[in-house]
N, C-alpha and C. Protein backbone atom coordinates (compact mmCIF):
# COMPACT_ATOMS: atom_id res chain seq x y z
N UNK A 1 -8.88 -11.10 42.37
CA UNK A 1 -7.74 -10.42 41.78
C UNK A 1 -6.71 -10.66 42.76
N UNK A 2 -5.49 -11.02 42.03
CA UNK A 2 -4.15 -11.30 42.79
C UNK A 2 -3.44 -10.01 42.84
N UNK A 3 -2.51 -10.04 43.70
CA UNK A 3 -1.80 -8.78 43.98
C UNK A 3 -0.20 -9.29 44.52
N UNK A 4 0.67 -8.51 44.59
CA UNK A 4 2.03 -8.92 45.08
C UNK A 4 2.29 -8.30 46.54
N UNK A 5 2.50 -9.17 47.43
CA UNK A 5 2.62 -8.64 48.87
C UNK A 5 3.87 -8.80 49.37
N UNK A 6 4.62 -7.90 49.94
CA UNK A 6 6.01 -8.02 50.56
C UNK A 6 6.03 -7.75 51.93
N UNK A 7 6.39 -8.58 52.89
CA UNK A 7 6.47 -8.27 54.35
C UNK A 7 7.96 -8.17 54.65
N UNK A 8 8.34 -7.07 55.33
CA UNK A 8 9.67 -6.77 55.77
C UNK A 8 9.70 -6.70 57.20
N UNK A 9 10.62 -7.59 57.77
CA UNK A 9 10.74 -7.59 59.28
C UNK A 9 12.22 -7.81 59.57
N UNK A 10 12.29 -7.70 60.91
CA UNK A 10 13.61 -7.96 61.39
C UNK A 10 13.64 -9.06 62.57
N UNK A 11 14.65 -9.89 62.61
CA UNK A 11 14.50 -10.97 63.67
C UNK A 11 15.47 -10.26 64.81
N UNK A 12 15.39 -10.77 66.07
CA UNK A 12 16.09 -10.35 67.15
C UNK A 12 17.61 -10.59 66.82
N UNK A 13 18.49 -9.65 67.08
CA UNK A 13 19.96 -9.71 66.87
C UNK A 13 20.46 -11.01 67.33
N UNK A 14 20.23 -11.14 68.74
CA UNK A 14 20.88 -12.31 69.43
C UNK A 14 20.50 -13.65 68.71
N UNK A 15 19.11 -13.77 68.40
CA UNK A 15 18.72 -15.00 67.61
C UNK A 15 19.64 -15.15 66.25
N UNK A 16 19.68 -14.06 65.57
CA UNK A 16 20.49 -14.18 64.18
C UNK A 16 21.89 -14.53 64.59
N UNK A 17 22.49 -14.01 65.54
CA UNK A 17 23.93 -14.13 65.87
C UNK A 17 24.09 -15.68 66.18
N UNK A 18 23.20 -16.12 67.16
CA UNK A 18 23.28 -17.73 67.57
C UNK A 18 22.90 -18.48 66.39
N UNK A 19 21.96 -18.20 65.50
CA UNK A 19 21.63 -18.93 64.33
C UNK A 19 22.78 -19.12 63.57
N UNK A 20 23.54 -18.13 62.92
CA UNK A 20 24.80 -18.16 62.06
C UNK A 20 25.89 -18.74 62.80
N UNK A 21 26.07 -18.57 64.13
CA UNK A 21 27.11 -19.17 64.79
C UNK A 21 26.87 -20.76 64.82
N UNK A 22 25.67 -21.17 64.92
CA UNK A 22 25.51 -22.56 65.01
C UNK A 22 25.38 -23.38 63.49
N UNK A 23 25.31 -22.31 62.53
CA UNK A 23 25.31 -22.84 61.13
C UNK A 23 26.15 -22.07 60.26
N UNK A 24 27.49 -22.00 60.43
CA UNK A 24 28.39 -21.06 59.74
C UNK A 24 28.42 -21.38 58.28
N UNK A 25 28.23 -22.55 57.95
CA UNK A 25 28.35 -22.97 56.49
C UNK A 25 27.07 -22.41 55.56
N UNK A 26 26.13 -21.71 56.40
CA UNK A 26 25.08 -21.16 55.58
C UNK A 26 25.52 -19.72 54.94
N UNK A 27 26.54 -19.18 55.64
CA UNK A 27 26.98 -17.77 55.29
C UNK A 27 27.41 -17.81 53.69
N UNK A 28 27.90 -18.87 53.31
CA UNK A 28 28.34 -18.94 51.76
C UNK A 28 27.39 -19.44 50.85
N UNK A 29 26.20 -19.88 51.42
CA UNK A 29 25.20 -20.60 50.74
C UNK A 29 24.42 -19.49 49.68
N UNK A 30 23.45 -19.89 48.96
CA UNK A 30 22.68 -19.04 48.03
C UNK A 30 21.63 -18.28 49.03
N UNK A 31 21.03 -17.29 48.45
CA UNK A 31 20.00 -16.67 49.11
C UNK A 31 18.87 -17.56 49.42
N UNK A 32 18.40 -18.45 48.48
CA UNK A 32 17.31 -19.35 48.53
C UNK A 32 17.59 -20.34 49.73
N UNK A 33 18.83 -20.86 49.68
CA UNK A 33 19.16 -21.93 50.77
C UNK A 33 19.18 -21.39 52.01
N UNK A 34 19.77 -20.16 52.30
CA UNK A 34 19.66 -19.53 53.55
C UNK A 34 18.29 -19.25 53.96
N UNK A 35 17.49 -18.64 53.09
CA UNK A 35 16.15 -18.21 53.27
C UNK A 35 15.29 -19.50 53.89
N UNK A 36 15.43 -20.51 53.11
CA UNK A 36 14.66 -21.64 53.44
C UNK A 36 15.05 -22.22 54.67
N UNK A 37 16.31 -22.46 54.98
CA UNK A 37 16.78 -22.92 56.27
C UNK A 37 16.44 -21.99 57.60
N UNK A 38 16.51 -20.81 57.30
CA UNK A 38 16.11 -19.77 58.27
C UNK A 38 14.60 -19.84 58.50
N UNK A 39 13.90 -19.99 57.55
CA UNK A 39 12.25 -20.03 57.78
C UNK A 39 11.96 -21.35 58.49
N UNK A 40 12.65 -22.40 58.05
CA UNK A 40 12.41 -23.86 58.76
C UNK A 40 12.65 -23.82 60.24
N UNK A 41 13.26 -22.72 60.84
CA UNK A 41 13.46 -22.59 62.21
C UNK A 41 12.23 -22.16 62.78
N UNK A 42 11.21 -21.80 62.09
CA UNK A 42 9.98 -21.18 62.58
C UNK A 42 10.16 -20.17 63.74
N UNK A 43 11.11 -19.34 63.50
CA UNK A 43 11.30 -18.23 64.53
C UNK A 43 10.30 -17.02 64.29
N UNK A 44 9.86 -16.75 65.47
CA UNK A 44 9.03 -15.56 65.41
C UNK A 44 7.82 -15.78 64.43
N UNK A 45 7.70 -14.81 63.58
CA UNK A 45 6.56 -14.90 62.54
C UNK A 45 6.91 -15.88 61.48
N UNK A 46 8.27 -16.05 61.30
CA UNK A 46 8.96 -16.86 60.25
C UNK A 46 8.29 -16.34 58.93
N UNK A 47 7.85 -17.42 58.04
CA UNK A 47 7.28 -16.95 56.66
C UNK A 47 5.81 -17.32 56.59
N UNK A 48 5.25 -17.22 58.06
CA UNK A 48 3.87 -17.67 57.95
C UNK A 48 2.64 -16.87 57.24
N UNK A 49 2.99 -15.52 57.17
CA UNK A 49 2.23 -14.67 56.42
C UNK A 49 2.21 -15.08 54.93
N UNK A 50 3.44 -15.29 54.45
CA UNK A 50 3.37 -15.61 52.94
C UNK A 50 2.83 -17.04 52.52
N UNK A 51 3.24 -17.86 53.56
CA UNK A 51 2.66 -19.27 53.47
C UNK A 51 1.09 -19.17 53.38
N UNK A 52 0.45 -18.43 54.22
CA UNK A 52 -0.93 -18.53 54.12
C UNK A 52 -1.56 -17.54 53.09
N UNK A 53 -1.03 -16.56 52.80
CA UNK A 53 -1.32 -15.64 51.71
C UNK A 53 -1.33 -16.49 50.49
N UNK A 54 -0.45 -17.24 50.24
CA UNK A 54 -0.16 -17.99 48.97
C UNK A 54 -1.31 -18.95 48.79
N UNK A 55 -1.86 -19.59 50.09
CA UNK A 55 -3.03 -20.39 49.93
C UNK A 55 -4.25 -19.73 49.52
N UNK A 56 -4.17 -18.40 49.51
CA UNK A 56 -5.25 -17.62 49.14
C UNK A 56 -5.15 -17.06 47.68
N UNK A 57 -4.06 -17.47 47.04
CA UNK A 57 -3.72 -16.97 45.74
C UNK A 57 -2.97 -15.58 45.69
N UNK A 58 -2.32 -15.29 46.81
CA UNK A 58 -1.56 -13.97 46.74
C UNK A 58 -0.18 -14.34 46.29
N UNK A 59 0.60 -13.54 45.65
CA UNK A 59 1.95 -13.66 45.29
C UNK A 59 2.65 -12.84 46.42
N UNK A 60 3.20 -13.67 47.32
CA UNK A 60 3.71 -13.03 48.78
C UNK A 60 4.99 -13.43 48.82
N UNK A 61 6.00 -12.58 49.43
CA UNK A 61 7.34 -12.74 49.92
C UNK A 61 7.49 -12.16 51.07
N UNK A 62 8.63 -12.54 51.69
CA UNK A 62 8.95 -12.09 53.01
C UNK A 62 10.50 -11.72 52.87
N UNK A 63 11.05 -10.60 53.57
CA UNK A 63 12.33 -10.10 53.65
C UNK A 63 12.73 -9.92 55.04
N UNK A 64 13.90 -10.58 55.63
CA UNK A 64 14.40 -10.23 56.86
C UNK A 64 15.43 -9.35 56.62
N UNK A 65 14.99 -8.12 57.13
CA UNK A 65 15.96 -6.84 56.78
C UNK A 65 17.21 -7.01 57.29
N UNK A 66 17.24 -7.51 58.60
CA UNK A 66 18.59 -7.33 59.42
C UNK A 66 19.39 -8.72 59.31
N UNK A 67 18.87 -9.57 58.48
CA UNK A 67 19.67 -10.80 58.48
C UNK A 67 20.83 -10.60 57.37
N UNK A 68 21.87 -9.96 57.81
CA UNK A 68 22.91 -9.62 56.93
C UNK A 68 23.37 -10.59 55.95
N UNK A 69 23.80 -11.67 56.40
CA UNK A 69 24.31 -12.79 55.65
C UNK A 69 23.35 -13.10 54.58
N UNK A 70 22.08 -13.23 54.83
CA UNK A 70 21.02 -13.44 53.88
C UNK A 70 20.86 -12.34 52.99
N UNK A 71 20.88 -11.20 53.32
CA UNK A 71 20.71 -9.98 52.54
C UNK A 71 21.96 -9.75 51.62
N UNK A 72 23.14 -9.97 52.19
CA UNK A 72 24.29 -9.81 51.31
C UNK A 72 24.31 -11.03 50.11
N UNK A 73 23.76 -12.28 50.57
CA UNK A 73 23.63 -13.19 49.57
C UNK A 73 22.86 -12.74 48.33
N UNK A 74 21.64 -12.21 48.75
CA UNK A 74 20.73 -11.64 47.74
C UNK A 74 21.43 -10.63 46.89
N UNK A 75 22.05 -9.59 47.49
CA UNK A 75 22.96 -8.67 46.82
C UNK A 75 23.94 -9.19 45.84
N UNK A 76 24.70 -10.28 46.21
CA UNK A 76 25.73 -10.85 45.33
C UNK A 76 25.06 -11.40 44.04
N UNK A 77 23.94 -12.00 44.48
CA UNK A 77 23.31 -12.73 43.20
C UNK A 77 22.67 -11.88 42.23
N UNK A 78 22.51 -10.67 42.74
CA UNK A 78 21.78 -9.71 41.76
C UNK A 78 22.67 -8.42 41.48
N UNK A 79 23.77 -8.67 41.68
CA UNK A 79 24.97 -7.57 41.34
C UNK A 79 24.75 -6.32 41.99
N UNK A 80 24.34 -6.33 43.46
CA UNK A 80 24.03 -5.10 44.11
C UNK A 80 25.07 -5.05 45.21
N UNK A 81 25.40 -3.85 45.49
CA UNK A 81 26.28 -3.55 46.71
C UNK A 81 25.79 -2.48 47.53
N UNK A 82 26.14 -2.23 48.82
CA UNK A 82 25.67 -1.12 49.54
C UNK A 82 25.28 -1.65 50.84
N UNK A 83 24.69 -0.62 51.65
CA UNK A 83 24.18 -0.87 52.96
C UNK A 83 22.87 -1.68 52.89
N UNK A 84 22.29 -2.15 53.96
CA UNK A 84 21.23 -3.02 53.94
C UNK A 84 19.91 -2.20 53.21
N UNK A 85 19.77 -0.87 53.55
CA UNK A 85 18.84 -0.22 53.01
C UNK A 85 18.66 -0.29 51.44
N UNK A 86 19.78 -0.04 51.04
CA UNK A 86 20.04 -0.09 49.51
C UNK A 86 19.59 -1.50 48.89
N UNK A 87 20.04 -2.47 49.55
CA UNK A 87 19.70 -3.85 49.17
C UNK A 87 18.34 -4.12 49.20
N UNK A 88 17.56 -3.68 50.32
CA UNK A 88 16.17 -3.71 50.45
C UNK A 88 15.45 -3.04 49.39
N UNK A 89 15.84 -1.71 49.13
CA UNK A 89 15.44 -1.02 48.03
C UNK A 89 15.45 -1.77 46.79
N UNK A 90 16.49 -2.34 46.37
CA UNK A 90 16.80 -3.07 45.15
C UNK A 90 15.92 -4.36 45.13
N UNK A 91 15.52 -4.97 46.27
CA UNK A 91 14.73 -6.17 46.38
C UNK A 91 13.38 -5.66 46.09
N UNK A 92 12.88 -4.53 46.58
CA UNK A 92 11.73 -4.05 46.25
C UNK A 92 11.49 -3.64 44.82
N UNK A 93 12.48 -3.13 44.39
CA UNK A 93 12.32 -2.67 42.86
C UNK A 93 12.28 -4.02 42.02
N UNK A 94 12.88 -5.13 42.33
CA UNK A 94 12.92 -6.25 41.63
C UNK A 94 11.50 -7.06 41.91
N UNK A 95 11.12 -7.07 42.98
CA UNK A 95 9.75 -7.87 43.43
C UNK A 95 8.70 -7.01 42.75
N UNK A 96 8.65 -5.66 42.80
CA UNK A 96 7.47 -4.72 42.36
C UNK A 96 6.13 -5.19 42.99
N UNK A 97 6.26 -4.81 44.34
CA UNK A 97 4.99 -5.29 45.15
C UNK A 97 3.84 -4.31 44.99
N UNK A 98 2.77 -4.78 45.11
CA UNK A 98 1.48 -3.84 45.26
C UNK A 98 1.34 -3.23 46.59
N UNK A 99 1.60 -4.14 47.57
CA UNK A 99 1.40 -4.01 49.02
C UNK A 99 2.77 -4.34 49.83
N UNK A 100 3.29 -3.38 50.59
CA UNK A 100 4.39 -3.54 51.42
C UNK A 100 3.94 -3.36 52.87
N UNK A 101 4.31 -4.57 53.69
CA UNK A 101 3.99 -4.49 55.16
C UNK A 101 5.19 -4.32 55.80
N UNK A 102 5.55 -3.30 56.58
CA UNK A 102 6.76 -3.02 57.30
C UNK A 102 6.46 -3.46 58.76
N UNK A 103 6.86 -4.64 59.19
CA UNK A 103 6.88 -4.95 60.65
C UNK A 103 8.19 -4.12 61.33
N UNK A 104 8.86 -3.68 60.47
CA UNK A 104 10.18 -2.89 60.85
C UNK A 104 10.04 -1.53 60.78
N UNK A 105 8.93 -0.91 61.36
CA UNK A 105 8.44 0.38 61.10
C UNK A 105 9.18 1.49 62.05
N UNK A 106 10.10 1.14 62.92
CA UNK A 106 10.93 2.05 63.71
C UNK A 106 12.00 2.56 62.78
N UNK A 107 12.67 1.44 61.97
CA UNK A 107 13.82 1.79 61.35
C UNK A 107 13.56 2.31 59.79
N UNK A 108 12.30 1.78 59.45
CA UNK A 108 11.91 2.00 57.99
C UNK A 108 10.72 2.79 58.14
N UNK A 109 10.68 4.15 57.84
CA UNK A 109 9.60 4.98 57.92
C UNK A 109 9.77 6.21 57.31
N UNK A 110 9.06 7.28 57.50
CA UNK A 110 9.06 8.51 57.04
C UNK A 110 9.67 8.83 55.65
N UNK A 111 10.58 9.67 55.48
CA UNK A 111 11.10 10.02 54.12
C UNK A 111 11.52 8.92 53.42
N UNK A 112 12.04 7.64 53.99
CA UNK A 112 12.57 6.51 53.22
C UNK A 112 11.24 5.90 52.64
N UNK A 113 10.09 5.85 53.24
CA UNK A 113 8.74 5.34 52.52
C UNK A 113 8.41 6.17 51.48
N UNK A 114 8.48 7.44 51.75
CA UNK A 114 7.98 8.37 50.67
C UNK A 114 9.00 8.19 49.27
N UNK A 115 10.32 7.97 49.71
CA UNK A 115 11.23 7.77 48.54
C UNK A 115 10.83 6.42 47.73
N UNK A 116 10.39 5.41 48.62
CA UNK A 116 9.98 4.20 47.92
C UNK A 116 8.89 4.41 47.10
N UNK A 117 7.79 5.10 47.57
CA UNK A 117 6.72 5.37 46.77
C UNK A 117 6.88 6.03 45.44
N UNK A 118 7.89 7.15 45.43
CA UNK A 118 8.17 7.94 44.37
C UNK A 118 8.91 7.02 43.32
N UNK A 119 9.79 6.03 43.76
CA UNK A 119 10.62 5.35 42.89
C UNK A 119 10.19 3.99 42.48
N UNK A 120 9.18 3.45 43.26
CA UNK A 120 8.83 2.15 42.87
C UNK A 120 7.14 2.22 42.68
N UNK A 121 7.00 2.50 41.28
CA UNK A 121 5.49 2.76 41.06
C UNK A 121 4.34 1.49 41.27
N UNK A 122 4.95 0.34 41.50
CA UNK A 122 3.97 -0.70 41.70
C UNK A 122 3.23 -0.52 42.91
N UNK A 123 4.10 0.24 44.04
CA UNK A 123 3.59 0.14 45.39
C UNK A 123 2.26 0.93 45.43
N UNK A 124 1.26 0.26 45.81
CA UNK A 124 -0.11 0.93 46.03
C UNK A 124 -0.47 1.29 47.45
N UNK A 125 -0.08 0.35 48.31
CA UNK A 125 -0.47 0.36 49.81
C UNK A 125 0.79 0.02 50.77
N UNK A 126 1.07 0.85 51.69
CA UNK A 126 2.10 0.67 52.69
C UNK A 126 1.49 0.42 54.06
N UNK A 127 1.91 -0.54 54.76
CA UNK A 127 1.34 -0.88 56.15
C UNK A 127 2.42 -0.91 57.00
N UNK A 128 2.18 -0.15 58.05
CA UNK A 128 3.34 -0.15 59.29
C UNK A 128 2.74 -1.10 60.38
N UNK A 129 3.65 -1.32 61.39
CA UNK A 129 3.43 -2.15 62.43
C UNK A 129 4.15 -1.51 63.55
N UNK A 130 3.34 -1.37 64.81
CA UNK A 130 3.93 -0.84 66.06
C UNK A 130 3.53 -1.68 67.19
N UNK A 131 4.55 -2.24 67.90
CA UNK A 131 4.12 -3.10 69.07
C UNK A 131 5.27 -2.71 70.11
N UNK A 132 5.49 -1.39 70.24
CA UNK A 132 6.46 -1.08 71.28
C UNK A 132 6.09 0.46 71.65
N UNK A 133 6.51 0.92 72.71
CA UNK A 133 6.28 2.32 73.13
C UNK A 133 6.88 3.23 72.02
N UNK A 134 6.15 4.23 71.79
CA UNK A 134 6.64 5.10 70.81
C UNK A 134 6.33 6.63 71.22
N UNK A 135 7.06 7.59 70.52
CA UNK A 135 7.10 8.87 71.00
C UNK A 135 6.20 9.57 69.94
N UNK A 136 5.98 10.89 70.15
CA UNK A 136 5.36 11.82 69.05
C UNK A 136 6.07 11.84 67.91
N UNK A 137 7.48 11.86 67.90
CA UNK A 137 8.24 11.90 66.81
C UNK A 137 8.13 10.57 66.01
N UNK A 138 7.95 9.44 66.55
CA UNK A 138 7.62 8.28 65.91
C UNK A 138 6.32 8.41 65.19
N UNK A 139 5.35 8.92 65.93
CA UNK A 139 4.08 9.06 65.22
C UNK A 139 4.17 9.80 63.84
N UNK A 140 4.92 10.99 63.96
CA UNK A 140 4.98 11.78 62.71
C UNK A 140 5.72 10.90 61.72
N UNK A 141 6.73 10.01 62.02
CA UNK A 141 7.42 9.21 60.88
C UNK A 141 6.48 8.07 60.46
N UNK A 142 5.53 7.86 61.34
CA UNK A 142 4.54 6.71 60.89
C UNK A 142 3.40 7.29 59.83
N UNK A 143 3.29 8.47 59.83
CA UNK A 143 2.05 9.11 59.01
C UNK A 143 2.27 8.66 57.65
N UNK A 144 3.43 8.31 57.05
CA UNK A 144 3.68 7.93 55.56
C UNK A 144 2.86 6.59 55.32
N UNK A 145 2.49 5.83 56.39
CA UNK A 145 1.89 4.45 56.29
C UNK A 145 0.25 4.74 55.87
N UNK A 146 -0.12 3.93 55.11
CA UNK A 146 -1.64 4.00 54.76
C UNK A 146 -2.39 3.39 55.96
N UNK A 147 -1.83 2.39 56.55
CA UNK A 147 -2.41 1.74 57.63
C UNK A 147 -1.30 1.52 58.80
N UNK A 148 -1.79 1.45 59.98
CA UNK A 148 -0.64 1.00 61.06
C UNK A 148 -1.57 -0.10 61.80
N UNK A 149 -0.91 -1.23 62.08
CA UNK A 149 -1.25 -2.29 62.87
C UNK A 149 -0.46 -2.16 64.20
N UNK A 150 -1.27 -2.29 65.18
CA UNK A 150 -0.72 -2.17 66.67
C UNK A 150 -1.12 -3.52 67.36
N UNK A 151 -0.46 -3.82 68.33
CA UNK A 151 -0.59 -5.15 69.08
C UNK A 151 -1.39 -4.84 70.26
N UNK A 152 -1.80 -3.57 70.66
CA UNK A 152 -2.50 -3.35 71.88
C UNK A 152 -3.29 -2.12 71.62
N UNK A 153 -4.48 -1.97 72.30
CA UNK A 153 -5.20 -0.87 72.14
C UNK A 153 -4.50 0.37 72.75
N UNK A 154 -3.65 0.16 73.68
CA UNK A 154 -2.97 1.17 74.29
C UNK A 154 -1.98 1.88 73.32
N UNK A 155 -1.38 1.11 72.42
CA UNK A 155 -0.66 1.72 71.36
C UNK A 155 -1.36 2.52 70.33
N UNK A 156 -2.69 2.02 70.15
CA UNK A 156 -3.63 2.74 69.28
C UNK A 156 -3.94 4.11 69.75
N UNK A 157 -4.20 4.32 71.05
CA UNK A 157 -4.43 5.55 71.62
C UNK A 157 -3.24 6.46 71.56
């Protein structure tokens, strides 16, 4: 059985700044051109999740939430405007994922995830990720996820 999987992540701000400073011509290119060039840098997790899930027959996509030039290119191409969260919402509405994996669980959690579930009926499972010290308030915001992946047993506790 196939399903649609979307991973949402952020890259370090300094990396993105250096990347676009070194490649200023990309800012005016299409979403697909920017995306492919950015993924070809093999930075961080890159698009390795979707590459390997596709080998298993999963329709998978990755969104770099804080890559502003990339996100605004998608917005231009789809007649969308607004802040990054609104663009992300529109991307998810367009993609109609069954499973959404938020590696960016500190900025995208709580009521916003509840809003997504209420307004994008295709979403069946929402997974969060935590690999940083967190507070009790963070834990409350993480409760909207069906699953949480952590990078250390200490974060599990």
